[in-house]
PDB file of N, CA and C in Angstrom:
ATOM      1  N   MET A   1       1.107  -0.520   0.754  1.00  0.00           N
ATOM      2  CA  MET A   1       0.380   0.163  -0.482  1.00  0.00           C
ATOM      3  C   MET A   1       0.935   1.247   0.305  1.00  0.00           C
ATOM      4  N   PRO A   2       0.888   2.016  -1.126  1.00  0.00           N
ATOM      5  CA  PRO A   2       1.512   3.039  -0.816  1.00  0.00           C
ATOM      6  C   PRO A   2       0.922   4.303  -0.192  1.00  0.00           C
ATOM      7  N   ARG A   3       2.601   4.952   0.803  1.00  0.00           N
ATOM      8  CA  ARG A   3       2.446   5.782   1.803  1.00  0.00           C
ATOM      9  C   ARG A   3       1.838   6.990   1.215  1.00  0.00           C
ATOM     10  N   LYS A   4       0.526   7.567   2.054  1.00  0.00           N
ATOM     11  CA  LYS A   4       0.494   9.038   1.237  1.00  0.00           C
ATOM     12  C   LYS A   4       1.356  10.069   2.761  1.00  0.00           C
ATOM     13  N   LYS A   5       1.414  11.241   1.892  1.00  0.00           N
ATOM     14  CA  LYS A   5       2.416  12.235   1.762  1.00  0.00           C
ATOM     15  C   LYS A   5       2.091  13.383   3.200  1.00  0.00           C
ATOM     16  N   ALA A   6       2.508  13.755   4.036  1.00  0.00           N
ATOM     17  CA  ALA A   6       2.540  14.444   5.323  1.00  0.00           C
ATOM     18  C   ALA A   6       1.175  15.795   5.087  1.00  0.00           C
ATOM     19  N   SER A   7       0.995  16.000   4.580  1.00  0.00           N
ATOM     20  CA  SER A   7      -0.038  16.891   4.197  1.00  0.00           C
ATOM     21  C   SER A   7      -1.210  15.667   3.840  1.00  0.00           C
ATOM     22  N   GLN A   8      -1.574  14.928   3.345  1.00  0.00           N
ATOM     23  CA  GLN A   8      -2.410  14.372   2.604  1.00  0.00           C
ATOM     24  C   GLN A   8      -2.939  13.207   3.838  1.00  0.00           C
ATOM     25  N   GLU A   9      -1.799  13.388   4.814  1.00  0.00           N
ATOM     26  CA  GLU A   9      -2.538  12.838   5.684  1.00  0.00           C
ATOM     27  C   GLU A   9      -2.783  13.746   7.160  1.00  0.00           C
ATOM     28  N   SER A  10      -2.825  14.593   7.465  1.00  0.00           N
ATOM     29  CA  SER A  10      -2.967  15.911   7.522  1.00  0.00           C
ATOM     30  C   SER A  10      -4.437  15.598   7.820  1.00  0.00           C
ATOM     31  N   ASP A  11      -4.747  16.387   5.923  1.00  0.00           N
ATOM     32  CA  ASP A  11      -5.870  16.364   5.702  1.00  0.00           C
ATOM     33  C   ASP A  11      -6.935  15.093   5.790  1.00  0.00           C
ATOM     34  N   ALA A  12      -6.331  14.237   5.614  1.00  0.00           N
ATOM     35  CA  ALA A  12      -7.674  13.101   5.863  1.00  0.00           C
ATOM     36  C   ALA A  12      -8.112  12.726   7.822  1.00  0.00           C
ATOM     37  N   GLN A  13      -7.096  13.128   8.230  1.00  0.00           N
ATOM     38  CA  GLN A  13      -7.003  13.289   9.400  1.00  0.00           C
ATOM     39  C   GLN A  13      -8.360  13.913   9.885  1.00  0.00           C
ATOM     40  N   ALA A  14      -7.863  15.536   9.237  1.00  0.00           N
ATOM     41  CA  ALA A  14      -9.070  16.922  10.132  1.00  0.00           C
ATOM     42  C   ALA A  14     -10.702  16.162   9.006  1.00  0.00           C
ATOM     43  N   ASP A  15     -10.953  15.368   8.137  1.00  0.00           N
ATOM     44  CA  ASP A  15     -11.859  15.158   8.095  1.00  0.00           C
ATOM     45  C   ASP A  15     -12.538  13.412   8.023  1.00  0.00           C
ATOM     46  N   ASP A  16     -11.481  12.476   8.798  1.00  0.00           N
ATOM     47  CA  ASP A  16     -12.696  11.713   9.517  1.00  0.00           C
ATOM     48  C   ASP A  16     -13.278  12.208  10.141  1.00  0.00           C
ATOM     49  N   ARG A  17     -14.435  11.071  10.314  1.00  0.00           N
ATOM     50  CA  ARG A  17     -16.194  11.076  11.322  1.00  0.00           C
ATOM     51  C   ARG A  17     -15.274  10.997  12.181  1.00  0.00           C
ATOM     52  N   VAL A  18     -16.426  11.068  13.455  1.00  0.00           N
ATOM     53  CA  VAL A  18     -15.880  10.869  15.160  1.00  0.00           C
ATOM     54  C   VAL A  18     -18.027  10.670  14.826  1.00  0.00           C
ATOM     55  N   LEU A  19     -17.949  10.125  16.828  1.00  0.00           N
ATOM     56  CA  LEU A  19     -19.355   9.824  16.945  1.00  0.00           C
ATOM     57  C   LEU A  19     -19.503  10.857  18.131  1.00  0.00           C
ATOM     58  N   ILE A  20     -20.453  11.962  17.774  1.00  0.00           N
ATOM     59  CA  ILE A  20     -20.907  12.949  19.250  1.00  0.00           C
ATOM     60  C   ILE A  20     -22.097  12.269  18.726  1.00  0.00           C
ATOM     61  N   SER A  21     -22.726  12.566  20.099  1.00  0.00           N
ATOM     62  CA  SER A  21     -24.165  12.105  20.932  1.00  0.00           C
ATOM     63  C   SER A  21     -25.281  13.634  21.010  1.00  0.00           C
ATOM     64  N   GLY A  22     -26.359  13.608  21.484  1.00  0.00           N
ATOM     65  CA  GLY A  22     -26.698  14.527  21.311  1.00  0.00           C
ATOM     66  C   GLY A  22     -28.412  13.852  21.065  1.00  0.00           C
ATOM     67  N   ARG A  23     -29.790  14.977  21.580  1.00  0.00           N
ATOM     68  CA  ARG A  23     -30.857  14.855  21.198  1.00  0.00           C
ATOM     69  C   ARG A  23     -31.189  16.140  20.730  1.00  0.00           C
ATOM     70  N   VAL A  24     -32.186  15.614  19.696  1.00  0.00           N
ATOM     71  CA  VAL A  24     -33.159  16.427  19.175  1.00  0.00           C
ATOM     72  C   VAL A  24     -35.124  16.706  19.483  1.00  0.00           C
ATOM     73  N   ARG A  25     -35.156  17.001  19.176  1.00  0.00           N
ATOM     74  CA  ARG A  25     -36.562  16.821  19.533  1.00  0.00           C
ATOM     75  C   ARG A  25     -37.352  15.249  17.452  1.00  0.00           C
ATOM     76  N   ALA A  26     -38.190  14.498  18.493  1.00  0.00           N
ATOM     77  CA  ALA A  26     -38.306  13.668  17.717  1.00  0.00           C
ATOM     78  C   ALA A  26     -39.226  14.613  16.212  1.00  0.00           C
ATOM     79  N   SER A  27     -39.781  15.999  15.687  1.00  0.00           N
ATOM     80  CA  SER A  27     -40.594  15.981  14.694  1.00  0.00           C
ATOM     81  C   SER A  27     -38.925  17.123  14.051  1.00  0.00           C
ATOM     82  N   VAL A  28     -37.780  17.769  14.687  1.00  0.00           N
ATOM     83  CA  VAL A  28     -36.274  17.601  13.455  1.00  0.00           C
ATOM     84  C   VAL A  28     -36.258  16.482  13.597  1.00  0.00           C
ATOM     85  N   ARG A  29     -35.634  15.393  14.515  1.00  0.00           N
ATOM     86  CA  ARG A  29     -35.683  14.351  13.513  1.00  0.00           C
ATOM     87  C   ARG A  29     -36.097  13.353  12.143  1.00  0.00           C
ATOM     88  N   ARG A  30     -37.623  13.877  12.108  1.00  0.00           N
ATOM     89  CA  ARG A  30     -38.260  13.829  11.226  1.00  0.00           C
ATOM     90  C   ARG A  30     -38.032  14.058  10.008  1.00  0.00           C
ATOM     91  N   ARG A  31     -37.674  15.577  10.361  1.00  0.00           N
ATOM     92  CA  ARG A  31     -38.112  16.401   9.751  1.00  0.00           C
ATOM     93  C   ARG A  31     -36.284  16.706   8.421  1.00  0.00           C
ATOM     94  N   LEU A  32     -35.675  16.288   9.121  1.00  0.00           N
ATOM     95  CA  LEU A  32     -34.073  15.512   8.719  1.00  0.00           C
ATOM     96  C   LEU A  32     -34.076  14.631   8.132  1.00  0.00           C
ATOM     97  N   LYS A  33     -34.639  13.765   8.392  1.00  0.00           N
ATOM     98  CA  LYS A  33     -35.011  12.294   7.141  1.00  0.00           C
ATOM     99  C   LYS A  33     -35.185  12.448   6.740  1.00  0.00           C
ATOM    100  N   VAL A  34     -36.464  12.771   6.544  1.00  0.00           N
ATOM    101  CA  VAL A  34     -37.777  12.881   5.791  1.00  0.00           C
ATOM    102  C   VAL A  34     -36.923  14.332   3.843  1.00  0.00           C
ATOM    103  N   TYR A  35     -35.986  15.466   4.514  1.00  0.00           N
ATOM    104  CA  TYR A  35     -35.295  16.219   4.095  1.00  0.00           C
ATOM    105  C   TYR A  35     -34.160  14.433   3.567  1.00  0.00           C
ATOM    106  N   ALA A  36     -33.502  13.989   3.484  1.00  0.00           N
ATOM    107  CA  ALA A  36     -32.504  14.320   3.337  1.00  0.00           C
ATOM    108  C   ALA A  36     -32.732  12.713   1.689  1.00  0.00           C
ATOM    109  N   ALA A  37     -34.076  12.513   2.011  1.00  0.00           N
ATOM    110  CA  ALA A  37     -34.844  11.175   1.645  1.00  0.00           C
ATOM    111  C   ALA A  37     -35.115  11.701   0.392  1.00  0.00           C
ATOM    112  N   ASN A  38     -35.397  12.865   0.547  1.00  0.00           N
ATOM    113  CA  ASN A  38     -36.192  13.306  -0.699  1.00  0.00           C
ATOM    114  C   ASN A  38     -35.158  14.248  -1.645  1.00  0.00           C
ATOM    115  N   HIS A  39     -33.950  14.282  -1.383  1.00  0.00           N
ATOM    116  CA  HIS A  39     -32.776  14.891  -1.507  1.00  0.00           C
ATOM    117  C   HIS A  39     -32.004  14.118  -2.098  1.00  0.00           C
ATOM    118  N   ASP A  40     -31.512  12.403  -1.676  1.00  0.00           N
ATOM    119  CA  ASP A  40     -30.667  11.782  -2.327  1.00  0.00           C
ATOM    120  C   ASP A  40     -29.744  11.903  -1.707  1.00  0.00           C
ATOM    121  N   VAL A  41     -29.696  12.294  -0.530  1.00  0.00           N
ATOM    122  CA  VAL A  41     -28.242  12.620   0.497  1.00  0.00           C
ATOM    123  C   VAL A  41     -28.827  11.566   1.721  1.00  0.00           C
ATOM    124  N   ASN A  42     -27.188  11.129   2.911  1.00  0.00           N
ATOM    125  CA  ASN A  42     -27.710  11.023   3.843  1.00  0.00           C
ATOM    126  C   ASN A  42     -27.198  11.785   5.169  1.00  0.00           C
ATOM    127  N   VAL A  43     -28.153  10.818   6.175  1.00  0.00           N
ATOM    128  CA  VAL A  43     -28.711  12.376   7.516  1.00  0.00           C
ATOM    129  C   VAL A  43     -27.222  12.892   8.549  1.00  0.00           C
ATOM    130  N   GLN A  44     -25.502  11.312   7.737  1.00  0.00           N
ATOM    131  CA  GLN A  44     -24.825  11.978   8.061  1.00  0.00           C
ATOM    132  C   GLN A  44     -24.119  13.566   7.450  1.00  0.00           C
ATOM    133  N   ASP A  45     -24.252  13.451   6.350  1.00  0.00           N
ATOM    134  CA  ASP A  45     -23.665  14.524   5.854  1.00  0.00           C
ATOM    135  C   ASP A  45     -24.489  16.422   5.829  1.00  0.00           C
ATOM    136  N   VAL A  46     -25.685  15.425   6.073  1.00  0.00           N
ATOM    137  CA  VAL A  46     -27.124  16.582   6.224  1.00  0.00           C
ATOM    138  C   VAL A  46     -26.756  17.295   7.602  1.00  0.00           C
ATOM    139  N   MET A  47     -26.524  16.679   8.967  1.00  0.00           N
ATOM    140  CA  MET A  47     -26.310  16.959  10.469  1.00  0.00           C
ATOM    141  C   MET A  47     -24.939  18.276   9.829  1.00  0.00           C
ATOM    142  N   ASP A  48     -23.692  17.564   9.270  1.00  0.00           N
ATOM    143  CA  ASP A  48     -22.597  18.044   9.441  1.00  0.00           C
ATOM    144  C   ASP A  48     -22.916  19.279   8.620  1.00  0.00           C
ATOM    145  N   LYS A  49     -22.840  19.327   7.366  1.00  0.00           N
ATOM    146  CA  LYS A  49     -23.198  20.808   7.194  1.00  0.00           C
ATOM    147  C   LYS A  49     -23.592  21.572   7.924  1.00  0.00           C
ATOM    148  N   ALA A  50     -24.918  21.075   8.321  1.00  0.00           N
ATOM    149  CA  ALA A  50     -25.564  21.718   9.205  1.00  0.00           C
ATOM    150  C   ALA A  50     -25.404  22.637  10.318  1.00  0.00           C
ATOM    151  N   LEU A  51     -24.255  22.030  11.564  1.00  0.00           N
ATOM    152  CA  LEU A  51     -22.813  21.943  12.017  1.00  0.00           C
ATOM    153  C   LEU A  51     -22.290  23.097  12.030  1.00  0.00           C
ATOM    154  N   ASP A  52     -21.584  22.570  10.847  1.00  0.00           N
ATOM    155  CA  ASP A  52     -20.453  23.182  10.173  1.00  0.00           C
ATOM    156  C   ASP A  52     -20.326  24.653   9.534  1.00  0.00           C
ATOM    157  N   GLU A  53     -22.202  24.737   9.278  1.00  0.00           N
ATOM    158  CA  GLU A  53     -22.698  26.337   8.739  1.00  0.00           C
ATOM    159  C   GLU A  53     -23.106  27.123  10.092  1.00  0.00           C
ATOM    160  N   TYR A  54     -23.548  26.539  10.878  1.00  0.00           N
ATOM    161  CA  TYR A  54     -24.054  27.066  12.019  1.00  0.00           C
ATOM    162  C   TYR A  54     -22.662  27.418  12.429  1.00  0.00           C
ATOM    163  N   LEU A  55     -21.599  26.861  13.136  1.00  0.00           N
ATOM    164  CA  LEU A  55     -21.037  26.953  14.034  1.00  0.00           C
ATOM    165  C   LEU A  55     -19.782  28.158  13.287  1.00  0.00           C
ATOM    166  N   THR A  56     -19.692  28.675  11.496  1.00  0.00           N
ATOM    167  CA  THR A  56     -19.189  29.319  11.079  1.00  0.00           C
ATOM    168  C   THR A  56     -19.527  30.406  11.231  1.00  0.00           C
ATOM    169  N   ARG A  57     -21.184  30.815  11.323  1.00  0.00           N
ATOM    170  CA  ARG A  57     -21.989  31.842  11.556  1.00  0.00           C
ATOM    171  C   ARG A  57     -21.888  32.321  12.944  1.00  0.00           C
ATOM    172  N   GLN A  58     -21.601  30.909  14.181  1.00  0.00           N
ATOM    173  CA  GLN A  58     -21.135  32.158  15.535  1.00  0.00           C
ATOM    174  C   GLN A  58     -20.061  32.058  15.201  1.00  0.00           C
ATOM    175  N   GLY A  59     -19.027  32.109  13.879  1.00  0.00           N
ATOM    176  CA  GLY A  59     -17.273  32.575  14.306  1.00  0.00           C
ATOM    177  C   GLY A  59     -16.806  31.331  15.482  1.00  0.00           C
ATOM    178  N   ALA A  60     -17.038  30.711  15.488  1.00  0.00           N
ATOM    179  CA  ALA A  60     -16.625  29.350  16.008  1.00  0.00           C
ATOM    180  C   ALA A  60     -15.852  28.449  15.327  1.00  0.00           C
TER     181      ALA A  60
END
């Protein structure tokens, strides 16, 4: 298996997914699942994008 360059390794590590836990209202979960299904994306990607955009707007 070829080795990755150091810059590629750090980029890959920065994008690794980790498990987080939290609760949302049932209605939000339902809307999330419907949105993901209607747009042919997975729930995980929608949540990642939503959190990233929120945190960016908050300056975090």
